[in-house]
Protein backbone atom coordinates (compact mmCIF):
# COMPACT_ATOMS: atom_id res chain seq x y z
CA MET A 1 -247.88 166.91 -74.57
CA SER A 2 -246.26 170.10 -73.55
CA ASP A 3 -245.24 173.06 -75.91
CA LEU A 4 -241.53 172.78 -76.54
CA PHE A 5 -241.15 176.58 -76.16
CA SER A 6 -242.81 176.10 -72.43
CA GLN A 7 -239.99 174.37 -71.30
CA PRO A 8 -237.03 176.14 -69.50
CA PHE A 9 -233.69 176.52 -71.10
CA GLU A 10 -230.93 175.37 -69.62
CA ASP A 11 -229.64 178.90 -68.32
CA ASP A 12 -232.60 180.43 -66.62
CA GLU A 13 -230.87 183.10 -65.54
CA PRO A 14 -229.72 185.69 -67.62
CA VAL A 15 -226.30 186.21 -68.23
CA ASP A 16 -224.57 189.65 -68.41
CA ALA A 17 -222.48 189.69 -71.58
CA ALA A 18 -219.94 192.54 -70.49
CA ALA A 19 -219.31 190.57 -67.66
CA ARG A 20 -217.91 187.73 -69.62
CA PRO A 21 -214.15 187.80 -70.57
CA ARG A 22 -213.53 188.46 -73.92
CA ARG A 23 -210.29 186.87 -75.58
CA ILE A 24 -209.09 188.94 -78.86
CA VAL A 25 -206.63 187.35 -81.14
CA SER A 26 -204.80 188.60 -84.08
CA VAL A 27 -205.23 187.46 -87.97
CA SER A 28 -201.68 185.82 -87.66
CA GLU A 29 -202.62 183.96 -84.28
CA LEU A 30 -205.95 182.73 -86.02
CA THR A 31 -204.37 181.77 -89.29
CA ALA A 32 -201.51 179.68 -87.15
CA SER A 33 -204.36 178.01 -85.13
CA ILE A 34 -205.89 177.06 -88.57
CA ARG A 35 -202.79 175.85 -89.74
CA ALA A 36 -201.95 173.85 -86.68
CA ALA A 37 -205.38 172.18 -86.45
CA LEU A 38 -205.22 171.26 -90.20
CA GLU A 39 -201.81 170.07 -90.21
CA SER A 40 -202.56 167.93 -87.05
CA GLY A 41 -206.08 166.92 -88.06
CA PHE A 42 -205.08 165.57 -91.58
CA GLY A 43 -202.19 163.34 -92.36
CA ASP A 44 -200.96 162.41 -95.81
CA LEU A 45 -203.61 162.47 -98.31
CA TRP A 46 -204.43 160.80 -101.57
CA ILE A 47 -206.61 163.29 -103.81
CA GLU A 48 -207.94 162.80 -107.35
CA GLY A 49 -208.72 165.39 -109.60
CA GLU A 50 -208.28 167.26 -112.91
CA ILE A 51 -205.18 169.52 -113.28
CA SER A 52 -205.95 173.05 -114.29
CA ASN A 53 -204.12 176.51 -114.30
CA CYS A 54 -200.46 174.32 -114.29
CA LYS A 55 -197.61 176.60 -114.51
CA ARG A 56 -193.86 175.82 -113.76
CA TRP A 57 -191.84 178.84 -112.76
CA ASN A 58 -188.19 179.65 -113.23
CA THR A 59 -187.67 178.44 -109.86
CA GLY A 60 -188.57 174.59 -110.97
CA HIS A 61 -191.77 174.89 -108.50
CA LEU A 62 -194.99 173.52 -110.01
CA TYR A 63 -198.10 175.21 -109.10
CA PHE A 64 -201.38 173.80 -110.42
CA THR A 65 -205.37 173.43 -109.32
CA LEU A 66 -206.59 170.32 -108.73
CA LYS A 67 -210.83 170.11 -109.21
CA ASP A 68 -213.70 168.21 -109.63
CA GLY A 69 -216.93 168.66 -110.62
CA GLY A 70 -218.06 170.35 -106.90
CA ALA A 71 -214.56 172.22 -105.80
CA GLN A 72 -211.24 173.11 -106.49
CA ILE A 73 -207.85 173.25 -104.06
CA ARG A 74 -204.39 175.04 -105.04
CA ALA A 75 -201.73 172.85 -104.92
CA VAL A 76 -197.78 173.17 -105.33
CA MET A 77 -195.05 170.78 -106.15
CA TYR A 78 -191.53 172.15 -105.13
CA ARG A 79 -188.67 171.64 -107.20
CA SER A 80 -186.80 168.49 -105.36
CA ALA A 81 -190.12 166.55 -106.11
CA VAL A 82 -190.75 167.67 -109.61
CA ARG A 83 -187.52 166.34 -111.11
CA TYR A 84 -188.81 162.72 -110.14
CA LEU A 85 -191.57 163.23 -112.06
CA LYS A 86 -191.83 160.66 -115.29
CA PHE A 87 -194.17 162.54 -117.06
CA THR A 88 -194.89 166.49 -117.91
CA PRO A 89 -198.39 167.78 -115.95
CA GLU A 90 -200.76 169.67 -118.27
CA ASP A 91 -204.20 171.05 -118.06
CA GLY A 92 -206.82 168.54 -118.35
CA GLN A 93 -205.06 165.50 -117.01
CA HIS A 94 -206.80 163.11 -114.41
CA VAL A 95 -204.44 162.31 -111.91
CA ILE A 96 -203.50 161.32 -108.42
CA ALA A 97 -201.90 163.77 -106.20
CA ARG A 98 -200.35 162.54 -102.52
CA GLY A 99 -199.49 165.29 -100.10
CA ARG A 100 -200.59 167.26 -97.04
CA LEU A 101 -202.53 169.97 -96.21
CA ALA A 102 -200.81 173.82 -95.51
CA VAL A 103 -201.66 177.15 -94.82
CA TYR A 104 -199.98 179.62 -97.00
CA GLU A 105 -200.24 182.53 -94.22
CA PRO A 106 -199.58 185.80 -96.20
CA LYS A 107 -202.90 185.25 -98.13
CA GLY A 108 -204.60 182.91 -95.54
CA GLU A 109 -205.31 180.47 -98.33
CA TYR A 110 -204.88 176.38 -97.32
CA GLN A 111 -203.07 174.47 -100.02
CA LEU A 112 -201.98 171.18 -101.09
CA LEU A 113 -198.21 170.56 -100.72
CA CYS A 114 -198.08 167.49 -103.30
CA ASP A 115 -194.77 165.40 -103.07
CA HIS A 116 -196.01 162.80 -105.69
CA LEU A 117 -198.11 162.64 -108.95
CA GLN A 118 -199.17 160.34 -111.14
CA PRO A 119 -201.66 159.72 -113.89
CA HIS A 120 -205.08 158.06 -113.16
CA GLY A 121 -205.65 155.03 -115.30
CA LEU A 122 -202.40 155.24 -117.64
CA GLY A 123 -198.78 154.98 -116.37
CA ALA A 124 -196.45 157.89 -115.65
CA LEU A 125 -193.96 156.11 -117.99
CA GLN A 126 -196.56 155.24 -120.72
CA LEU A 127 -197.68 158.86 -120.60
CA ALA A 128 -194.47 160.89 -120.94
CA PHE A 129 -193.57 158.47 -123.92
CA GLU A 130 -196.83 159.70 -125.74
CA GLN A 131 -196.41 163.11 -124.71
CA LEU A 132 -192.60 163.24 -125.87
CA LYS A 133 -193.91 161.01 -129.13
CA LYS A 134 -196.51 163.63 -129.93
CA LYS A 135 -193.86 166.21 -129.72
CA LEU A 136 -191.19 165.19 -131.69
CA GLN A 137 -193.73 163.72 -134.30
CA ALA A 138 -195.36 167.38 -134.72
CA GLU A 139 -192.02 168.65 -135.44
CA GLY A 140 -191.56 166.11 -138.26
CA LEU A 141 -188.54 164.12 -137.00
CA PHE A 142 -190.49 161.07 -137.54
CA GLU A 143 -190.98 161.51 -141.27
CA GLN A 144 -189.27 158.99 -143.61
CA ALA A 145 -188.03 161.69 -146.00
CA ARG A 146 -185.74 162.92 -143.08
CA LYS A 147 -183.87 159.75 -142.67
CA ARG A 148 -180.95 158.63 -144.30
CA ALA A 149 -179.91 155.69 -146.23
CA LEU A 150 -177.23 153.42 -144.85
CA PRO A 151 -173.83 153.47 -146.44
CA ALA A 152 -173.27 151.07 -149.40
CA LEU A 153 -169.51 150.15 -147.93
CA PRO A 154 -169.20 151.28 -144.38
CA GLU A 155 -165.49 151.16 -143.42
CA ARG A 156 -165.88 151.83 -139.47
CA ILE A 157 -168.84 151.31 -137.52
CA GLY A 158 -169.33 153.31 -134.10
CA ILE A 159 -171.38 151.40 -131.56
CA VAL A 160 -173.14 152.78 -128.39
CA THR A 161 -173.68 150.45 -125.49
CA SER A 162 -172.58 149.01 -122.31
CA LEU A 163 -169.65 146.98 -122.22
CA ASP A 164 -171.68 144.91 -119.34
CA GLY A 165 -174.25 143.16 -121.55
CA ALA A 166 -174.76 140.44 -124.16
CA ALA A 167 -175.71 143.30 -126.91
CA ILE A 168 -171.92 144.35 -127.85
CA ARG A 169 -170.85 140.80 -127.82
CA ASP A 170 -173.76 140.04 -130.48
CA ILE A 171 -172.84 142.82 -132.18
CA ILE A 172 -169.11 142.00 -132.61
CA LYS A 173 -169.80 138.39 -133.35
CA VAL A 174 -171.88 139.19 -136.31
CA ILE A 175 -169.62 141.83 -137.78
CA THR A 176 -166.50 139.93 -137.38
CA ARG A 177 -167.60 136.83 -138.68
CA ARG A 178 -169.26 137.84 -141.72
CA HIS A 179 -166.76 141.14 -142.61
CA PRO A 180 -163.64 140.64 -140.24
CA SER A 181 -161.97 143.75 -142.30
CA VAL A 182 -164.43 146.34 -140.85
CA ARG A 183 -163.25 148.39 -138.11
CA LEU A 184 -165.33 148.89 -134.94
CA LEU A 185 -165.17 151.98 -132.56
CA ILE A 186 -167.15 151.23 -129.17
CA ARG A 187 -168.07 154.04 -127.30
CA PRO A 188 -169.15 152.49 -123.88
CA THR A 189 -172.09 154.02 -121.75
CA ARG A 190 -174.67 153.25 -119.15
CA VAL A 191 -177.97 152.19 -121.01
CA GLN A 192 -180.22 152.08 -117.90
CA GLY A 193 -180.47 154.23 -114.55
CA GLU A 194 -180.53 157.73 -113.39
CA GLY A 195 -178.44 159.62 -115.90
CA ALA A 196 -178.00 157.10 -118.48
CA GLY A 197 -180.12 159.39 -121.03
CA ALA A 198 -177.48 162.15 -120.65
CA GLU A 199 -174.67 159.64 -121.02
CA ILE A 200 -175.77 158.03 -124.43
CA ALA A 201 -176.91 161.28 -125.88
CA GLU A 202 -172.98 162.57 -125.04
CA ALA A 203 -171.74 159.11 -126.75
CA LEU A 204 -173.72 159.73 -129.95
CA ARG A 205 -172.54 163.55 -130.30
CA SER A 206 -168.98 162.07 -129.67
CA LEU A 207 -169.00 159.31 -131.99
CA SER A 208 -170.60 162.05 -134.75
CA ARG A 209 -167.54 164.25 -134.21
CA VAL A 210 -165.21 161.50 -135.10
CA PRO A 211 -164.65 162.00 -138.89
CA ASP A 212 -163.78 158.23 -140.29
CA VAL A 213 -166.96 156.84 -138.84
CA ASP A 214 -169.72 155.72 -141.40
CA VAL A 215 -172.76 154.62 -139.33
CA VAL A 216 -173.44 154.09 -135.61
CA ILE A 217 -175.36 151.47 -134.01
CA LEU A 218 -177.24 152.31 -131.12
CA ALA A 219 -177.86 148.96 -128.95
CA ARG A 220 -179.19 147.26 -125.92
CA GLY A 221 -180.59 144.08 -124.66
CA GLY A 222 -184.08 143.43 -123.53
CA GLY A 223 -185.56 144.83 -120.17
CA SER A 224 -188.81 146.30 -118.70
CA ALA A 225 -190.14 149.49 -119.50
CA GLU A 226 -188.15 151.33 -116.72
CA ASP A 227 -185.03 149.83 -118.10
CA LEU A 228 -185.85 151.61 -121.37
CA VAL A 229 -186.38 154.90 -120.03
CA PRO A 230 -183.24 156.49 -121.08
CA PHE A 231 -184.32 155.55 -124.93
CA ASN A 232 -187.57 157.15 -124.38
CA GLN A 233 -185.60 160.81 -123.49
CA GLU A 234 -185.55 163.65 -125.44
CA PRO A 235 -181.76 164.48 -125.38
CA VAL A 236 -181.06 160.92 -127.04
CA ALA A 237 -183.64 161.55 -129.47
CA ARG A 238 -182.17 165.00 -130.31
CA ALA A 239 -178.52 163.76 -130.46
CA ILE A 240 -179.89 160.92 -133.08
CA VAL A 241 -181.44 163.79 -135.14
CA SER A 242 -178.30 165.82 -135.17
CA SER A 243 -176.24 163.15 -135.56
CA ARG A 244 -173.47 163.50 -138.82
CA VAL A 245 -173.99 160.09 -139.74
CA PRO A 246 -176.99 157.42 -139.93
CA VAL A 247 -177.86 155.80 -136.91
CA VAL A 248 -179.31 152.30 -136.33
CA THR A 249 -181.11 151.35 -133.17
CA GLY A 250 -181.25 148.02 -131.61
CA VAL A 251 -182.96 148.38 -128.60
CA GLY A 252 -185.02 145.53 -126.48
CA HIS A 253 -186.86 142.80 -128.73
CA GLU A 254 -188.79 142.97 -131.42
CA VAL A 255 -191.93 144.01 -129.47
CA ASP A 256 -190.23 146.93 -127.71
CA PHE A 257 -190.53 150.26 -129.25
CA THR A 258 -189.22 153.49 -128.01
CA ILE A 259 -188.61 157.27 -129.00
CA ALA A 260 -185.16 156.41 -130.27
CA ASP A 261 -186.40 153.80 -132.87
CA PHE A 262 -189.02 156.73 -134.11
CA VAL A 263 -186.09 159.34 -135.07
CA ALA A 264 -183.56 156.53 -135.96
CA ASP A 265 -182.43 156.33 -139.62
CA LEU A 266 -183.40 152.50 -139.30
CA ARG A 267 -184.42 150.55 -136.47
CA ALA A 268 -183.75 146.87 -136.22
CA PRO A 269 -185.66 144.53 -133.68
CA THR A 270 -182.47 143.46 -131.95
CA PRO A 271 -178.86 144.26 -131.69
CA SER A 272 -177.63 141.16 -133.66
CA ALA A 273 -180.22 142.26 -136.57
CA ALA A 274 -178.57 145.96 -136.42
CA ALA A 275 -175.45 144.70 -136.78
CA GLU A 276 -176.89 142.39 -139.78
CA ILE A 277 -178.74 145.33 -141.32
CA VAL A 278 -175.48 147.55 -141.53
CA ILE A 279 -173.33 144.49 -143.05
CA ALA A 280 -176.28 143.70 -145.27
CA ALA A 281 -176.21 146.60 -147.47
CA GLN A 282 -172.33 146.20 -147.56
CA GLU A 283 -173.17 142.37 -148.83
CA GLU A 284 -175.86 143.34 -151.34
CA PHE A 285 -173.47 145.92 -152.97
CA ARG A 286 -170.79 143.21 -153.51
CA ALA A 287 -173.49 140.91 -154.61
CA ARG A 288 -174.42 143.26 -157.54
CA ILE A 289 -170.93 143.68 -158.31
CA ASP A 290 -170.47 140.18 -158.62
CA ARG A 291 -173.39 139.75 -160.91
CA GLN A 292 -172.23 142.85 -162.97
CA THR A 293 -168.98 141.09 -163.34
CA GLN A 294 -170.44 137.69 -164.75
CA ARG A 295 -172.71 139.70 -167.11
CA LEU A 296 -169.45 141.62 -168.50
CA ARG A 297 -167.69 138.44 -168.76
CA ALA A 298 -170.50 136.93 -170.70
CA ALA A 299 -170.81 139.69 -172.79
CA VAL A 300 -167.20 139.73 -173.64
CA ALA A 301 -167.14 136.08 -174.44
CA ALA A 302 -170.04 136.54 -176.83
CA ALA A 303 -168.33 139.58 -178.74
CA VAL A 304 -165.17 137.43 -178.86
CA GLU A 305 -166.88 134.69 -180.55
CA ARG A 306 -168.98 136.69 -182.98
CA ARG A 307 -165.50 138.49 -184.10
CA ARG A 308 -164.25 135.00 -184.36
CA SER A 309 -166.93 133.69 -186.28
CA GLN A 310 -166.85 136.85 -188.68
CA VAL A 311 -163.12 136.23 -188.92
CA HIS A 312 -163.40 132.67 -189.82
CA LEU A 313 -166.13 133.44 -192.42
CA LEU A 314 -163.96 136.42 -194.48
CA THR A 315 -160.86 133.78 -194.42
CA SER A 316 -163.06 131.27 -195.86
CA ARG A 317 -163.47 133.23 -199.01
CA ARG A 318 -161.78 132.84 -202.34
CA GLY A 319 -160.56 136.47 -202.68
CA LEU A 320 -159.18 136.19 -199.37
CA ALA A 321 -157.37 133.08 -199.53
CA GLY A 322 -153.76 134.17 -199.92
CA VAL A 323 -154.65 136.83 -196.69
CA PRO A 324 -153.03 134.57 -194.01
CA ALA A 325 -149.83 133.93 -195.70
CA ARG A 326 -149.27 137.80 -196.59
CA LEU A 327 -150.31 138.48 -193.42
CA ALA A 328 -147.44 136.24 -191.98
CA MET A 329 -144.66 137.59 -193.97
CA ARG A 330 -145.84 140.95 -192.82
CA GLY A 331 -145.63 139.99 -189.39
CA ARG A 332 -142.24 138.46 -189.94
CA HIS A 333 -141.03 141.64 -191.49
CA VAL A 334 -142.60 143.38 -188.78
CA ALA A 335 -140.80 141.41 -186.20
CA GLU A 336 -137.48 141.89 -187.85
CA LEU A 337 -137.79 145.94 -187.85
CA THR A 338 -138.73 145.40 -184.08
CA HIS A 339 -135.65 143.71 -183.64
CA GLN A 340 -133.58 146.33 -185.54
CA LEU A 341 -135.12 149.20 -183.81
CA GLN A 342 -134.83 147.55 -180.31
CA ARG A 343 -131.09 147.28 -181.20
CA ALA A 344 -130.80 150.62 -182.71
CA MET A 345 -132.11 152.21 -179.38
CA THR A 346 -130.06 149.95 -177.14
CA THR A 347 -126.93 151.29 -179.21
CA ALA A 348 -128.25 154.67 -179.02
CA LEU A 349 -128.85 154.56 -175.40
CA SER A 350 -125.33 153.02 -174.69
CA THR A 351 -123.70 155.66 -176.53
CA ARG A 352 -125.70 158.23 -174.86
CA GLU A 353 -125.09 156.54 -171.67
CA ARG A 354 -121.32 157.05 -172.31
CA GLU A 355 -121.73 160.46 -173.34
CA PHE A 356 -123.57 161.02 -169.88
CA ARG A 357 -120.75 159.51 -167.78
CA THR A 358 -118.33 161.70 -169.67
CA LEU A 359 -120.01 164.79 -169.22
CA ARG A 360 -120.53 163.84 -165.77
CA LEU A 361 -116.99 163.27 -164.93
CA ALA A 362 -116.18 166.47 -166.55
CA LEU A 363 -118.92 168.91 -164.59
CA GLU A 364 -117.55 166.81 -161.08
CA ALA A 365 -114.08 167.76 -162.32
CA ARG A 366 -115.56 171.18 -162.56
CA ASP A 367 -117.90 171.34 -159.63
CA LEU A 368 -117.17 174.10 -157.62
CA ARG A 369 -117.68 172.24 -154.21
CA ARG A 370 -114.72 169.79 -154.84
CA ARG A 371 -112.26 172.94 -156.11
CA LEU A 372 -113.45 174.67 -153.12
CA ALA A 373 -112.47 171.82 -150.74
CA ALA A 374 -109.21 171.33 -152.58
CA ILE A 375 -108.48 175.12 -152.10
CA ARG A 376 -109.73 174.69 -148.39
CA GLY A 377 -107.16 171.78 -148.07
CA ARG A 378 -104.27 173.81 -149.60
CA LEU A 379 -105.13 176.84 -147.31
CA ASP A 380 -105.24 174.50 -144.31
CA THR A 381 -102.02 173.25 -145.24
CA ALA A 382 -100.15 176.49 -145.92
CA THR A 383 -102.04 177.99 -142.32
CA GLY A 384 -100.43 174.84 -140.44
CA ARG A 385 -96.88 175.70 -141.85
CA LEU A 386 -97.26 179.57 -141.63
CA HIS A 387 -98.29 178.84 -137.77
CA GLY A 388 -94.89 176.61 -137.48
CA VAL A 389 -92.77 179.30 -138.96
CA MET A 390 -94.22 181.96 -136.55
CA ALA A 391 -93.96 179.79 -133.80
CA ARG A 392 -90.36 178.67 -134.46
CA ARG A 393 -89.46 182.44 -135.33
CA HIS A 394 -91.55 183.59 -132.02
CA ASP A 395 -88.99 181.24 -129.98
CA ARG A 396 -85.79 182.49 -131.45
CA ALA A 397 -86.83 186.03 -131.02
CA SER A 398 -87.85 185.51 -127.30
CA ALA A 399 -84.36 183.48 -126.97
CA GLN A 400 -82.47 186.52 -128.47
CA PHE A 401 -84.34 188.85 -126.44
CA GLY A 402 -83.58 187.06 -123.44
CA ALA A 403 -79.87 186.77 -123.89
CA LEU A 404 -79.74 190.75 -124.67
CA ALA A 405 -81.87 191.30 -121.67
CA ALA A 406 -79.55 189.28 -119.67
CA ARG A 407 -76.40 190.86 -120.90
CA LEU A 408 -78.44 194.33 -120.48
CA GLU A 409 -78.85 193.69 -116.91
CA SER A 410 -74.94 192.51 -116.46
CA LEU A 411 -73.91 195.65 -117.56
CA SER A 412 -76.26 197.75 -115.87
CA PRO A 413 -75.13 199.89 -113.07
CA LEU A 414 -78.05 198.79 -110.99
CA GLY A 415 -76.70 195.51 -111.28
CA VAL A 416 -73.17 196.38 -110.14
CA LEU A 417 -74.86 198.25 -107.15
CA GLY A 418 -77.27 195.26 -106.20
CA ARG A 419 -73.98 193.13 -105.89
CA GLY A 420 -72.69 195.47 -102.89
CA TYR A 421 -70.97 198.04 -104.65
CA ALA A 422 -71.58 201.94 -104.47
CA VAL A 423 -70.94 205.51 -106.34
CA CYS A 424 -69.46 208.11 -104.53
CA TRP A 425 -70.14 211.58 -105.93
CA ASN A 426 -68.57 214.77 -105.27
CA ASP A 427 -70.50 217.63 -103.10
CA ASP A 428 -72.20 219.32 -105.99
CA ARG A 429 -72.91 215.84 -107.84
CA THR A 430 -71.09 216.83 -110.90
CA ALA A 431 -68.22 214.09 -110.74
CA ILE A 432 -67.49 210.61 -109.56
CA ILE A 433 -64.96 210.27 -107.25
CA ARG A 434 -63.17 207.32 -108.67
CA ARG A 435 -59.64 207.91 -106.43
CA ALA A 436 -59.23 208.37 -103.36
CA SER A 437 -56.27 211.05 -103.81
CA THR A 438 -58.73 213.53 -105.12
CA ALA A 439 -60.71 213.67 -101.77
CA HIS A 440 -59.46 215.68 -98.66
CA PRO A 441 -60.54 215.29 -95.19
CA GLY A 442 -63.55 217.49 -94.49
CA ASP A 443 -65.21 217.26 -97.77
CA ARG A 444 -68.59 216.29 -98.21
CA VAL A 445 -69.56 213.10 -100.46
CA HIS A 446 -72.92 211.71 -101.74
CA VAL A 447 -72.67 207.70 -101.71
CA THR A 448 -75.33 206.07 -104.24
CA LEU A 449 -76.38 202.76 -103.13
CA GLN A 450 -79.00 200.21 -104.85
CA GLU A 451 -81.63 201.50 -102.52
CA GLY A 452 -81.22 205.15 -101.60
CA GLY A 453 -77.89 207.08 -100.92
CA LEU A 454 -75.93 208.40 -98.07
CA THR A 455 -74.40 212.18 -97.67
CA CYS A 456 -70.78 211.47 -95.62
CA LEU A 457 -68.32 213.76 -94.60
CA ILE A 458 -64.50 212.36 -95.13
CA GLN A 459 -62.63 212.20 -91.83
CA ALA A 460 -59.68 210.68 -93.40
CA VAL A 461 -58.07 209.64 -96.84
CA GLN A 462 -56.55 206.20 -97.56
CA PRO A 463 -54.62 205.95 -100.68
CA SER A 464 -54.19 202.69 -102.28
CA PRO A 465 -51.88 200.33 -101.11
CA ASP A 466 -50.59 199.39 -104.44
CA ARG A 467 -50.26 202.80 -105.71
CA THR A 468 -47.98 204.01 -102.74
CA GLY A 469 -46.09 200.97 -102.98
CA ALA A 470 -45.30 202.58 -106.57
CA GLU A 471 -44.65 205.65 -105.54
């Protein structure tokens, strides 16, 4: 057998290293190549491990490390996936994560981009239930000393449930059958599905603000663990604790327990049982009143019987033999005095009533309102008469004024001028020419018309025919 080292290598001829071409890459190119190789070489991964260094940033992203006995890997879960978690990840939890490998290039680190996280062994819903239960129990919200007693005589009962389920029908049937006088205030809400927990909490808060609600029933019918998730949420528990009035829960079946049951003032196994419990306090109170009434009646009857026996015993004695007759006479005298007193009181009341009517009539006669009304009536009558006299005098004065104005108009020179006449003046306007004989040819005269005037030169004088004939 030949020695291994005596065999020739595949390349017997030496190769010059300087002659071989070198390929130089940057750190970013190398990291990108590694990232491409990891992302293409691995698909979706299911990784089992223990959570450590778990931290949730204010951005909503969750950063943690998955580790086992021999290695660890960083992991990140973005806010869009965190909101679908049914439990709160904590250090030390053994979980199964689903995701894909990625490289964080600024630091050259590879990590797991986790899009799903579930507890290993214990279900997510059960783990979330246990976590919240432990938290609220540490705060003392489950303590019996914190819980309030139900009102003895509730007049108005608030109900938080869905209008579509059988729970509301069962509650109404029980309450209206046993106590139809109780008023119900129903606040409908969803009791399962995404966002139902927030709606239930808001419904509890709104009923707590109603002033005349005495107790609240929170109910829903049976369902799976997923259906009861809204009743295992912290906002619902906080709303029950902060309620102004006691809260009775009737959620699911008798074997179902929720966080709402632990913090409620009283837990009923079913919605119908919740209604019976609320009304049972009222029935017990009424039954106690009935028992006390019977005892009181029995005590009064016994006391009356004892007094009757004592009276019978006393009346049977010899020294008291005439007491009933004397009492009868006194009773008759009391009746007569009572009748006389009633008659005297009736007579006195009649007299006082007549005096009152007389005084009231006298007071009404002196009532200023009536006197003012009479004075106002006389004043209105006088005012009407004055207005009539003034109107008549005004009419007469207007008629007289019109007549005088017409007369004055007829005597006015302007009126004469208006009828076509004119006034003739001498040259210096010192005299009116009334006779043609006073003027001579060649004289200048002025003629006044209704509108304006004329300056004329006399060419000839024509004496009056009548006057010429007289001459």
